[in-house]
PDB file of N, CA and C in Angstrom:
ATOM      1  N   UNK A   1       0.824  -1.232   0.002  1.00  0.00           N
ATOM      2  CA  UNK A   1      -0.012  -0.007   0.021  1.00  0.00           C
ATOM      3  C   UNK A   1       0.831   1.275   0.001  1.00  0.00           C
ATOM      4  N   UNK A   2       2.147   1.149   0.311  1.00  0.00           N
ATOM      5  CA  UNK A   2       2.954   2.290   0.383  1.00  0.00           C
ATOM      6  C   UNK A   2       2.982   3.138  -0.898  1.00  0.00           C
ATOM      7  N   UNK A   3       3.073   2.377  -2.043  1.00  0.00           N
ATOM      8  CA  UNK A   3       3.095   3.138  -3.295  1.00  0.00           C
ATOM      9  C   UNK A   3       1.783   3.860  -3.553  1.00  0.00           C
ATOM     10  N   UNK A   4       0.699   3.199  -3.200  1.00  0.00           N
ATOM     11  CA  UNK A   4      -0.630   3.803  -3.368  1.00  0.00           C
ATOM     12  C   UNK A   4      -0.746   5.092  -2.609  1.00  0.00           C
ATOM     13  N   UNK A   5      -0.256   5.076  -1.345  1.00  0.00           N
ATOM     14  CA  UNK A   5      -0.329   6.300  -0.490  1.00  0.00           C
ATOM     15  C   UNK A   5       0.648   7.374  -1.054  1.00  0.00           C
ATOM     16  N   UNK A   6       1.816   6.959  -1.569  1.00  0.00           N
ATOM     17  CA  UNK A   6       2.720   7.915  -2.171  1.00  0.00           C
ATOM     18  C   UNK A   6       2.096   8.577  -3.421  1.00  0.00           C
ATOM     19  N   UNK A   7       1.415   7.809  -4.210  1.00  0.00           N
ATOM     20  CA  UNK A   7       0.779   8.312  -5.427  1.00  0.00           C
ATOM     21  C   UNK A   7      -0.322   9.256  -5.052  1.00  0.00           C
ATOM     22  N   UNK A   8      -1.165   8.878  -4.079  1.00  0.00           N
ATOM     23  CA  UNK A   8      -2.225   9.720  -3.547  1.00  0.00           C
ATOM     24  C   UNK A   8      -1.658  11.054  -2.997  1.00  0.00           C
ATOM     25  N   UNK A   9      -0.614  10.948  -2.273  1.00  0.00           N
ATOM     26  CA  UNK A   9       0.013  12.168  -1.644  1.00  0.00           C
ATOM     27  C   UNK A   9       0.546  13.049  -2.782  1.00  0.00           C
ATOM     28  N   UNK A  10       1.167  12.453  -3.827  1.00  0.00           N
ATOM     29  CA  UNK A  10       1.727  13.300  -4.884  1.00  0.00           C
ATOM     30  C   UNK A  10       0.651  14.024  -5.621  1.00  0.00           C
ATOM     31  N   UNK A  11      -0.439  13.305  -5.953  1.00  0.00           N
ATOM     32  CA  UNK A  11      -1.547  13.937  -6.679  1.00  0.00           C
ATOM     33  C   UNK A  11      -2.115  15.063  -5.829  1.00  0.00           C
ATOM     34  N   UNK A  12      -2.343  14.828  -4.541  1.00  0.00           N
ATOM     35  CA  UNK A  12      -2.917  15.814  -3.650  1.00  0.00           C
ATOM     36  C   UNK A  12      -1.971  17.048  -3.472  1.00  0.00           C
ATOM     37  N   UNK A  13      -0.666  16.744  -3.319  1.00  0.00           N
ATOM     38  CA  UNK A  13       0.222  17.877  -3.158  1.00  0.00           C
ATOM     39  C   UNK A  13       0.361  18.766  -4.465  1.00  0.00           C
ATOM     40  N   UNK A  14       0.478  18.094  -5.545  1.00  0.00           N
ATOM     41  CA  UNK A  14       0.635  18.840  -6.761  1.00  0.00           C
ATOM     42  C   UNK A  14      -0.641  19.586  -7.089  1.00  0.00           C
ATOM     43  N   UNK A  15      -1.824  18.997  -6.895  1.00  0.00           N
ATOM     44  CA  UNK A  15      -3.089  19.647  -7.103  1.00  0.00           C
ATOM     45  C   UNK A  15      -3.253  20.835  -6.196  1.00  0.00           C
ATOM     46  N   UNK A  16      -2.888  20.696  -4.917  1.00  0.00           N
ATOM     47  CA  UNK A  16      -3.030  21.737  -3.917  1.00  0.00           C
ATOM     48  C   UNK A  16      -2.084  22.935  -4.311  1.00  0.00           C
ATOM     49  N   UNK A  17      -0.862  22.603  -4.617  1.00  0.00           N
ATOM     50  CA  UNK A  17       0.087  23.664  -5.023  1.00  0.00           C
ATOM     51  C   UNK A  17      -0.344  24.330  -6.327  1.00  0.00           C
ATOM     52  N   UNK A  18      -0.849  23.548  -7.262  1.00  0.00           N
ATOM     53  CA  UNK A  18      -1.324  24.107  -8.465  1.00  0.00           C
ATOM     54  C   UNK A  18      -2.467  25.079  -8.293  1.00  0.00           C
ATOM     55  N   UNK A  19      -3.339  24.811  -7.312  1.00  0.00           N
ATOM     56  CA  UNK A  19      -4.404  25.766  -7.018  1.00  0.00           C
ATOM     57  C   UNK A  19      -3.854  27.120  -6.610  1.00  0.00           C
ATOM     58  N   UNK A  20      -2.762  27.147  -5.847  1.00  0.00           N
ATOM     59  CA  UNK A  20      -2.138  28.414  -5.521  1.00  0.00           C
ATOM     60  C   UNK A  20      -1.456  29.047  -6.735  1.00  0.00           C
ATOM     61  N   UNK A  21      -0.858  28.250  -7.555  1.00  0.00           N
ATOM     62  CA  UNK A  21      -0.214  28.609  -8.809  1.00  0.00           C
ATOM     63  C   UNK A  21      -1.277  29.290  -9.678  1.00  0.00           C
ATOM     64  N   UNK A  22      -2.452  28.639  -9.803  1.00  0.00           N
ATOM     65  CA  UNK A  22      -3.493  29.163 -10.663  1.00  0.00           C
ATOM     66  C   UNK A  22      -3.977  30.547 -10.147  1.00  0.00           C
ATOM     67  N   UNK A  23      -4.161  30.626  -8.863  1.00  0.00           N
ATOM     68  CA  UNK A  23      -4.582  31.903  -8.245  1.00  0.00           C
ATOM     69  C   UNK A  23      -3.571  33.031  -8.440  1.00  0.00           C
ATOM     70  N   UNK A  24      -2.335  32.715  -8.169  1.00  0.00           N
ATOM     71  CA  UNK A  24      -1.308  33.804  -8.132  1.00  0.00           C
ATOM     72  C   UNK A  24      -0.693  34.011  -9.478  1.00  0.00           C
ATOM     73  N   UNK A  25      -0.555  33.023 -10.310  1.00  0.00           N
ATOM     74  CA  UNK A  25       0.165  33.150 -11.581  1.00  0.00           C
ATOM     75  C   UNK A  25      -0.743  33.145 -12.792  1.00  0.00           C
ATOM     76  N   UNK A  26      -1.893  32.528 -12.658  1.00  0.00           N
ATOM     77  CA  UNK A  26      -2.805  32.467 -13.813  1.00  0.00           C
ATOM     78  C   UNK A  26      -4.015  33.324 -13.633  1.00  0.00           C
ATOM     79  N   UNK A  27      -4.020  34.187 -12.638  1.00  0.00           N
ATOM     80  CA  UNK A  27      -5.123  35.138 -12.342  1.00  0.00           C
ATOM     81  C   UNK A  27      -6.481  34.444 -12.239  1.00  0.00           C
ATOM     82  N   UNK A  28      -6.466  33.248 -11.625  1.00  0.00           N
ATOM     83  CA  UNK A  28      -7.773  32.558 -11.367  1.00  0.00           C
ATOM     84  C   UNK A  28      -8.300  33.127 -10.016  1.00  0.00           C
ATOM     85  N   UNK A  29      -9.589  32.844  -9.763  1.00  0.00           N
ATOM     86  CA  UNK A  29     -10.263  33.349  -8.563  1.00  0.00           C
ATOM     87  C   UNK A  29      -9.599  32.801  -7.299  1.00  0.00           C
ATOM     88  N   UNK A  30      -9.685  33.539  -6.243  1.00  0.00           N
ATOM     89  CA  UNK A  30      -9.227  33.075  -4.909  1.00  0.00           C
ATOM     90  C   UNK A  30     -10.012  31.855  -4.434  1.00  0.00           C
ATOM     91  N   UNK A  31     -11.125  31.564  -5.066  1.00  0.00           N
ATOM     92  CA  UNK A  31     -11.862  30.414  -4.685  1.00  0.00           C
ATOM     93  C   UNK A  31     -11.115  29.105  -4.962  1.00  0.00           C
ATOM     94  N   UNK A  32     -10.119  29.229  -5.780  1.00  0.00           N
ATOM     95  CA  UNK A  32      -9.223  28.004  -6.006  1.00  0.00           C
ATOM     96  C   UNK A  32      -8.473  27.614  -4.752  1.00  0.00           C
ATOM     97  N   UNK A  33      -8.372  28.523  -3.781  1.00  0.00           N
ATOM     98  CA  UNK A  33      -7.658  28.186  -2.583  1.00  0.00           C
ATOM     99  C   UNK A  33      -8.354  27.179  -1.712  1.00  0.00           C
ATOM    100  N   UNK A  34      -9.671  27.190  -1.703  1.00  0.00           N
ATOM    101  CA  UNK A  34     -10.426  26.238  -0.825  1.00  0.00           C
ATOM    102  C   UNK A  34     -10.083  24.813  -1.139  1.00  0.00           C
ATOM    103  N   UNK A  35     -10.259  24.357  -2.416  1.00  0.00           N
ATOM    104  CA  UNK A  35      -9.883  22.977  -2.702  1.00  0.00           C
ATOM    105  C   UNK A  35      -8.418  22.746  -2.651  1.00  0.00           C
ATOM    106  N   UNK A  36      -7.626  23.868  -2.876  1.00  0.00           N
ATOM    107  CA  UNK A  36      -6.192  23.647  -2.758  1.00  0.00           C
ATOM    108  C   UNK A  36      -5.726  23.377  -1.337  1.00  0.00           C
ATOM    109  N   UNK A  37      -6.350  24.025  -0.407  1.00  0.00           N
ATOM    110  CA  UNK A  37      -6.051  23.773   1.032  1.00  0.00           C
ATOM    111  C   UNK A  37      -6.478  22.409   1.467  1.00  0.00           C
ATOM    112  N   UNK A  38      -7.664  21.995   1.001  1.00  0.00           N
ATOM    113  CA  UNK A  38      -8.156  20.607   1.354  1.00  0.00           C
ATOM    114  C   UNK A  38      -7.224  19.573   0.685  1.00  0.00           C
ATOM    115  N   UNK A  39      -6.783  19.801  -0.473  1.00  0.00           N
ATOM    116  CA  UNK A  39      -5.890  18.905  -1.150  1.00  0.00           C
ATOM    117  C   UNK A  39      -4.570  18.807  -0.386  1.00  0.00           C
ATOM    118  N   UNK A  40      -4.038  19.921   0.086  1.00  0.00           N
ATOM    119  CA  UNK A  40      -2.787  19.906   0.834  1.00  0.00           C
ATOM    120  C   UNK A  40      -2.918  19.137   2.150  1.00  0.00           C
ATOM    121  N   UNK A  41      -4.114  19.359   2.751  1.00  0.00           N
ATOM    122  CA  UNK A  41      -4.356  18.636   4.013  1.00  0.00           C
ATOM    123  C   UNK A  41      -4.394  17.107   3.797  1.00  0.00           C
ATOM    124  N   UNK A  42      -5.051  16.721   2.691  1.00  0.00           N
ATOM    125  CA  UNK A  42      -5.060  15.261   2.371  1.00  0.00           C
ATOM    126  C   UNK A  42      -3.663  14.750   2.086  1.00  0.00           C
ATOM    127  N   UNK A  43      -2.890  15.609   1.428  1.00  0.00           N
ATOM    128  CA  UNK A  43      -1.486  15.222   1.166  1.00  0.00           C
ATOM    129  C   UNK A  43      -0.777  14.821   2.467  1.00  0.00           C
ATOM    130  N   UNK A  44      -0.872  15.730   3.451  1.00  0.00           N
ATOM    131  CA  UNK A  44      -0.248  15.479   4.787  1.00  0.00           C
ATOM    132  C   UNK A  44      -0.737  14.194   5.374  1.00  0.00           C
ATOM    133  N   UNK A  45      -2.040  13.989   5.317  1.00  0.00           N
ATOM    134  CA  UNK A  45      -2.639  12.759   5.873  1.00  0.00           C
ATOM    135  C   UNK A  45      -2.097  11.509   5.150  1.00  0.00           C
ATOM    136  N   UNK A  46      -2.057  11.571   3.818  1.00  0.00           N
ATOM    137  CA  UNK A  46      -1.561  10.428   3.052  1.00  0.00           C
ATOM    138  C   UNK A  46      -0.164  10.058   3.422  1.00  0.00           C
ATOM    139  N   UNK A  47       0.702  10.992   3.672  1.00  0.00           N
ATOM    140  CA  UNK A  47       2.110  10.656   4.002  1.00  0.00           C
ATOM    141  C   UNK A  47       2.149   9.910   5.344  1.00  0.00           C
ATOM    142  N   UNK A  48       1.196  10.147   6.216  1.00  0.00           N
ATOM    143  CA  UNK A  48       1.210   9.418   7.501  1.00  0.00           C
ATOM    144  C   UNK A  48       0.817   7.976   7.353  1.00  0.00           C
ATOM    145  N   UNK A  49       0.221   7.612   6.240  1.00  0.00           N
ATOM    146  CA  UNK A  49      -0.224   6.252   5.980  1.00  0.00           C
ATOM    147  C   UNK A  49       0.884   5.365   5.409  1.00  0.00           C
ATOM    148  N   UNK A  50       1.984   5.940   5.004  1.00  0.00           N
ATOM    149  CA  UNK A  50       3.083   5.231   4.357  1.00  0.00           C
ATOM    150  C   UNK A  50       3.744   4.335   5.407  1.00  0.00           C
ATOM    151  N   UNK A  51       4.085   3.126   4.985  1.00  0.00           N
ATOM    152  CA  UNK A  51       4.701   2.115   5.839  1.00  0.00           C
ATOM    153  C   UNK A  51       6.150   2.434   6.013  1.00  0.00           C
ATOM    154  N   UNK A  52       6.519   3.305   6.894  1.00  0.00           N
ATOM    155  CA  UNK A  52       7.904   3.570   7.200  1.00  0.00           C
ATOM    156  C   UNK A  52       8.013   3.932   8.689  1.00  0.00           C
ATOM    157  N   UNK A  53       9.109   3.423   9.261  1.00  0.00           N
ATOM    158  CA  UNK A  53       9.277   3.652  10.713  1.00  0.00           C
ATOM    159  C   UNK A  53       9.534   5.032  11.135  1.00  0.00           C
ATOM    160  N   UNK A  54      10.059   5.892  10.210  1.00  0.00           N
ATOM    161  CA  UNK A  54      10.450   7.261  10.563  1.00  0.00           C
ATOM    162  C   UNK A  54       9.922   8.261   9.536  1.00  0.00           C
ATOM    163  N   UNK A  55       9.471   9.363   9.972  1.00  0.00           N
ATOM    164  CA  UNK A  55       8.907  10.372   9.079  1.00  0.00           C
ATOM    165  C   UNK A  55       9.957  10.820   8.073  1.00  0.00           C
ATOM    166  N   UNK A  56      11.179  11.091   8.511  1.00  0.00           N
ATOM    167  CA  UNK A  56      12.180  11.586   7.584  1.00  0.00           C
ATOM    168  C   UNK A  56      12.433  10.587   6.413  1.00  0.00           C
ATOM    169  N   UNK A  57      12.449   9.342   6.692  1.00  0.00           N
ATOM    170  CA  UNK A  57      12.625   8.325   5.661  1.00  0.00           C
ATOM    171  C   UNK A  57      11.430   8.294   4.671  1.00  0.00           C
ATOM    172  N   UNK A  58      10.246   8.406   5.270  1.00  0.00           N
ATOM    173  CA  UNK A  58       9.057   8.413   4.442  1.00  0.00           C
ATOM    174  C   UNK A  58       9.035   9.684   3.496  1.00  0.00           C
ATOM    175  N   UNK A  59       9.411  10.790   4.069  1.00  0.00           N
ATOM    176  CA  UNK A  59       9.386  12.074   3.275  1.00  0.00           C
ATOM    177  C   UNK A  59      10.541  11.989   2.261  1.00  0.00           C
ATOM    178  N   UNK A  60      11.701  11.490   2.604  1.00  0.00           N
ATOM    179  CA  UNK A  60      12.791  11.445   1.628  1.00  0.00           C
ATOM    180  C   UNK A  60      12.447  10.575   0.438  1.00  0.00           C
ATOM    181  N   UNK A  61      11.878   9.387   0.665  1.00  0.00           N
ATOM    182  CA  UNK A  61      11.488   8.513  -0.399  1.00  0.00           C
ATOM    183  C   UNK A  61      10.356   9.148  -1.229  1.00  0.00           C
ATOM    184  N   UNK A  62       9.455   9.856  -0.584  1.00  0.00           N
ATOM    185  CA  UNK A  62       8.361  10.524  -1.285  1.00  0.00           C
ATOM    186  C   UNK A  62       8.895  11.552  -2.271  1.00  0.00           C
ATOM    187  N   UNK A  63      10.009  12.151  -1.980  1.00  0.00           N
ATOM    188  CA  UNK A  63      10.589  13.128  -2.884  1.00  0.00           C
ATOM    189  C   UNK A  63      10.755  12.601  -4.309  1.00  0.00           C
ATOM    190  N   UNK A  64      11.178  11.371  -4.466  1.00  0.00           N
ATOM    191  CA  UNK A  64      11.303  10.786  -5.778  1.00  0.00           C
ATOM    192  C   UNK A  64       9.962  10.574  -6.487  1.00  0.00           C
ATOM    193  N   UNK A  65       8.987  10.121  -5.723  1.00  0.00           N
ATOM    194  CA  UNK A  65       7.650   9.975  -6.262  1.00  0.00           C
ATOM    195  C   UNK A  65       7.136  11.327  -6.713  1.00  0.00           C
ATOM    196  N   UNK A  66       7.364  12.353  -5.869  1.00  0.00           N
ATOM    197  CA  UNK A  66       6.843  13.690  -6.156  1.00  0.00           C
ATOM    198  C   UNK A  66       7.469  14.236  -7.495  1.00  0.00           C
ATOM    199  N   UNK A  67       8.771  13.987  -7.688  1.00  0.00           N
ATOM    200  CA  UNK A  67       9.396  14.449  -8.890  1.00  0.00           C
ATOM    201  C   UNK A  67       8.839  13.762 -10.146  1.00  0.00           C
ATOM    202  N   UNK A  68       8.668  12.495 -10.058  1.00  0.00           N
ATOM    203  CA  UNK A  68       8.064  11.706 -11.134  1.00  0.00           C
ATOM    204  C   UNK A  68       6.660  12.152 -11.420  1.00  0.00           C
ATOM    205  N   UNK A  69       5.856  12.369 -10.376  1.00  0.00           N
ATOM    206  CA  UNK A  69       4.489  12.774 -10.534  1.00  0.00           C
ATOM    207  C   UNK A  69       4.402  14.166 -11.085  1.00  0.00           C
ATOM    208  N   UNK A  70       5.333  15.001 -10.746  1.00  0.00           N
ATOM    209  CA  UNK A  70       5.387  16.372 -11.323  1.00  0.00           C
ATOM    210  C   UNK A  70       5.631  16.394 -12.821  1.00  0.00           C
ATOM    211  N   UNK A  71       6.441  15.463 -13.236  1.00  0.00           N
ATOM    212  CA  UNK A  71       6.767  15.362 -14.660  1.00  0.00           C
ATOM    213  C   UNK A  71       5.489  14.839 -15.413  1.00  0.00           C
ATOM    214  N   UNK A  72       4.810  13.914 -14.817  1.00  0.00           N
ATOM    215  CA  UNK A  72       3.548  13.439 -15.420  1.00  0.00           C
ATOM    216  C   UNK A  72       2.505  14.563 -15.422  1.00  0.00           C
ATOM    217  N   UNK A  73       2.419  15.357 -14.383  1.00  0.00           N
ATOM    218  CA  UNK A  73       1.499  16.498 -14.327  1.00  0.00           C
ATOM    219  C   UNK A  73       1.826  17.514 -15.445  1.00  0.00           C
ATOM    220  N   UNK A  74       3.146  17.717 -15.623  1.00  0.00           N
ATOM    221  CA  UNK A  74       3.613  18.604 -16.707  1.00  0.00           C
ATOM    222  C   UNK A  74       3.037  18.157 -18.020  1.00  0.00           C
ATOM    223  N   UNK A  75       3.053  16.895 -18.255  1.00  0.00           N
ATOM    224  CA  UNK A  75       2.673  16.285 -19.521  1.00  0.00           C
ATOM    225  C   UNK A  75       1.176  16.242 -19.646  1.00  0.00           C
ATOM    226  N   UNK A  76       0.452  15.791 -18.636  1.00  0.00           N
ATOM    227  CA  UNK A  76      -0.985  15.514 -18.795  1.00  0.00           C
ATOM    228  C   UNK A  76      -1.756  16.855 -18.593  1.00  0.00           C
ATOM    229  N   UNK A  77      -1.491  17.534 -17.509  1.00  0.00           N
ATOM    230  CA  UNK A  77      -2.368  18.697 -17.105  1.00  0.00           C
ATOM    231  C   UNK A  77      -1.891  19.969 -17.896  1.00  0.00           C
ATOM    232  N   UNK A  78      -0.575  20.190 -17.896  1.00  0.00           N
ATOM    233  CA  UNK A  78      -0.104  21.415 -18.534  1.00  0.00           C
ATOM    234  C   UNK A  78       0.215  21.207 -20.070  1.00  0.00           C
ATOM    235  N   UNK A  79       0.032  19.971 -20.494  1.00  0.00           N
ATOM    236  CA  UNK A  79       0.261  19.660 -21.938  1.00  0.00           C
ATOM    237  C   UNK A  79       1.621  20.072 -22.501  1.00  0.00           C
ATOM    238  N   UNK A  80       2.621  19.869 -21.681  1.00  0.00           N
ATOM    239  CA  UNK A  80       3.968  20.204 -22.052  1.00  0.00           C
ATOM    240  C   UNK A  80       4.733  18.883 -22.047  1.00  0.00           C
ATOM    241  N   UNK A  81       5.186  18.421 -23.238  1.00  0.00           N
ATOM    242  CA  UNK A  81       5.845  17.123 -23.377  1.00  0.00           C
ATOM    243  C   UNK A  81       7.200  17.184 -22.581  1.00  0.00           C
ATOM    244  N   UNK A  82       7.395  16.269 -21.668  1.00  0.00           N
ATOM    245  CA  UNK A  82       8.653  16.242 -20.930  1.00  0.00           C
ATOM    246  C   UNK A  82       9.807  15.919 -21.924  1.00  0.00           C
ATOM    247  N   UNK A  83      10.940  16.559 -21.694  1.00  0.00           N
ATOM    248  CA  UNK A  83      12.075  16.210 -22.532  1.00  0.00           C
ATOM    249  C   UNK A  83      12.859  15.080 -21.900  1.00  0.00           C
ATOM    250  N   UNK A  84      13.958  14.658 -22.534  1.00  0.00           N
ATOM    251  CA  UNK A  84      14.718  13.533 -22.032  1.00  0.00           C
ATOM    252  C   UNK A  84      15.323  13.822 -20.690  1.00  0.00           C
ATOM    253  N   UNK A  85      15.681  15.051 -20.375  1.00  0.00           N
ATOM    254  CA  UNK A  85      16.222  15.375 -19.085  1.00  0.00           C
ATOM    255  C   UNK A  85      15.197  15.290 -17.971  1.00  0.00           C
ATOM    256  N   UNK A  86      13.979  15.665 -18.285  1.00  0.00           N
ATOM    257  CA  UNK A  86      12.877  15.459 -17.326  1.00  0.00           C
ATOM    258  C   UNK A  86      12.756  13.974 -16.997  1.00  0.00           C
ATOM    259  N   UNK A  87      12.753  13.200 -18.038  1.00  0.00           N
ATOM    260  CA  UNK A  87      12.524  11.730 -17.844  1.00  0.00           C
ATOM    261  C   UNK A  87      13.731  11.077 -17.106  1.00  0.00           C
ATOM    262  N   UNK A  88      14.932  11.428 -17.531  1.00  0.00           N
ATOM    263  CA  UNK A  88      16.115  10.934 -16.863  1.00  0.00           C
ATOM    264  C   UNK A  88      16.090  11.304 -15.370  1.00  0.00           C
ATOM    265  N   UNK A  89      15.797  12.573 -15.103  1.00  0.00           N
ATOM    266  CA  UNK A  89      15.741  12.997 -13.707  1.00  0.00           C
ATOM    267  C   UNK A  89      14.709  12.293 -12.891  1.00  0.00           C
ATOM    268  N   UNK A  90      13.533  12.063 -13.498  1.00  0.00           N
ATOM    269  CA  UNK A  90      12.440  11.351 -12.782  1.00  0.00           C
ATOM    270  C   UNK A  90      12.844   9.926 -12.494  1.00  0.00           C
ATOM    271  N   UNK A  91      13.463   9.257 -13.450  1.00  0.00           N
ATOM    272  CA  UNK A  91      13.882   7.885 -13.279  1.00  0.00           C
ATOM    273  C   UNK A  91      14.952   7.847 -12.145  1.00  0.00           C
ATOM    274  N   UNK A  92      15.864   8.724 -12.185  1.00  0.00           N
ATOM    275  CA  UNK A  92      16.947   8.779 -11.116  1.00  0.00           C
ATOM    276  C   UNK A  92      16.291   9.017  -9.731  1.00  0.00           C
ATOM    277  N   UNK A  93      15.359   9.929  -9.668  1.00  0.00           N
ATOM    278  CA  UNK A  93      14.719  10.195  -8.450  1.00  0.00           C
ATOM    279  C   UNK A  93      13.943   9.005  -7.879  1.00  0.00           C
ATOM    280  N   UNK A  94      13.243   8.286  -8.810  1.00  0.00           N
ATOM    281  CA  UNK A  94      12.521   7.068  -8.359  1.00  0.00           C
ATOM    282  C   UNK A  94      13.511   6.005  -7.917  1.00  0.00           C
ATOM    283  N   UNK A  95      14.653   5.873  -8.563  1.00  0.00           N
ATOM    284  CA  UNK A  95      15.681   4.940  -8.129  1.00  0.00           C
ATOM    285  C   UNK A  95      16.128   5.258  -6.717  1.00  0.00           C
ATOM    286  N   UNK A  96      16.359   6.519  -6.437  1.00  0.00           N
ATOM    287  CA  UNK A  96      16.813   6.951  -5.113  1.00  0.00           C
ATOM    288  C   UNK A  96      15.665   6.695  -4.089  1.00  0.00           C
ATOM    289  N   UNK A  97      14.457   6.945  -4.449  1.00  0.00           N
ATOM    290  CA  UNK A  97      13.310   6.659  -3.559  1.00  0.00           C
ATOM    291  C   UNK A  97      13.225   5.137  -3.230  1.00  0.00           C
ATOM    292  N   UNK A  98      13.439   4.330  -4.238  1.00  0.00           N
ATOM    293  CA  UNK A  98      13.399   2.862  -4.005  1.00  0.00           C
ATOM    294  C   UNK A  98      14.517   2.409  -3.080  1.00  0.00           C
ATOM    295  N   UNK A  99      15.673   2.960  -3.242  1.00  0.00           N
ATOM    296  CA  UNK A  99      16.772   2.626  -2.370  1.00  0.00           C
ATOM    297  C   UNK A  99      16.476   3.029  -0.928  1.00  0.00           C
ATOM    298  N   UNK A 100      15.918   4.185  -0.750  1.00  0.00           N
ATOM    299  CA  UNK A 100      15.619   4.666   0.593  1.00  0.00           C
ATOM    300  C   UNK A 100      14.510   3.794   1.262  1.00  0.00           C
ATOM    301  N   UNK A 101      13.408   3.562   0.558  1.00  0.00           N
ATOM    302  CA  UNK A 101      12.308   2.845   1.193  1.00  0.00           C
ATOM    303  C   UNK A 101      12.456   1.310   1.255  1.00  0.00           C
ATOM    304  N   UNK A 102      13.187   0.783   0.247  1.00  0.00           N
ATOM    305  CA  UNK A 102      13.260  -0.695   0.185  1.00  0.00           C
ATOM    306  C   UNK A 102      14.626  -1.254   0.663  1.00  0.00           C
ATOM    307  N   UNK A 103      15.563  -0.391   0.938  1.00  0.00           N
ATOM    308  CA  UNK A 103      16.890  -0.827   1.350  1.00  0.00           C
ATOM    309  C   UNK A 103      16.867  -1.617   2.632  1.00  0.00           C
ATOM    310  N   UNK A 104      17.713  -2.626   2.712  1.00  0.00           N
ATOM    311  CA  UNK A 104      17.756  -3.419   3.996  1.00  0.00           C
ATOM    312  C   UNK A 104      18.247  -2.552   5.146  1.00  0.00           C
ATOM    313  N   UNK A 105      17.662  -2.695   6.273  1.00  0.00           N
ATOM    314  CA  UNK A 105      18.026  -1.962   7.471  1.00  0.00           C
ATOM    315  C   UNK A 105      18.709  -2.841   8.449  1.00  0.00           C
ATOM    316  N   UNK A 106      19.757  -2.347   9.036  1.00  0.00           N
ATOM    317  CA  UNK A 106      20.413  -3.062  10.111  1.00  0.00           C
ATOM    318  C   UNK A 106      19.669  -2.985  11.414  1.00  0.00           C
ATOM    319  N   UNK A 107      20.037  -3.779  12.360  1.00  0.00           N
ATOM    320  CA  UNK A 107      19.397  -3.737  13.635  1.00  0.00           C
ATOM    321  C   UNK A 107      19.752  -2.592  14.528  1.00  0.00           C
TER     322      UNK A 107
END
């Protein structure tokens, strides 16, 4: 379930931050802030559901998922095709996230 919660957190965080972006950068109504704040609250909740013994480790691994999800957002929502550097960076970030969350831990 960890990956499901990470994906839910990424969608919620990006959507919440995009609501602020839309308000401040795209001249959308301040009404965008209400769902944005709810989305950011759900993001915080979702990260607490991740199966990790320590918050710092959960957040560090989430960083890779966030980067990859942001590149997907760029492509699907903003209709900007990611370039090879976007994709290489996202793959590298996901590799780092996998090492952090799946790496063997000593006693």
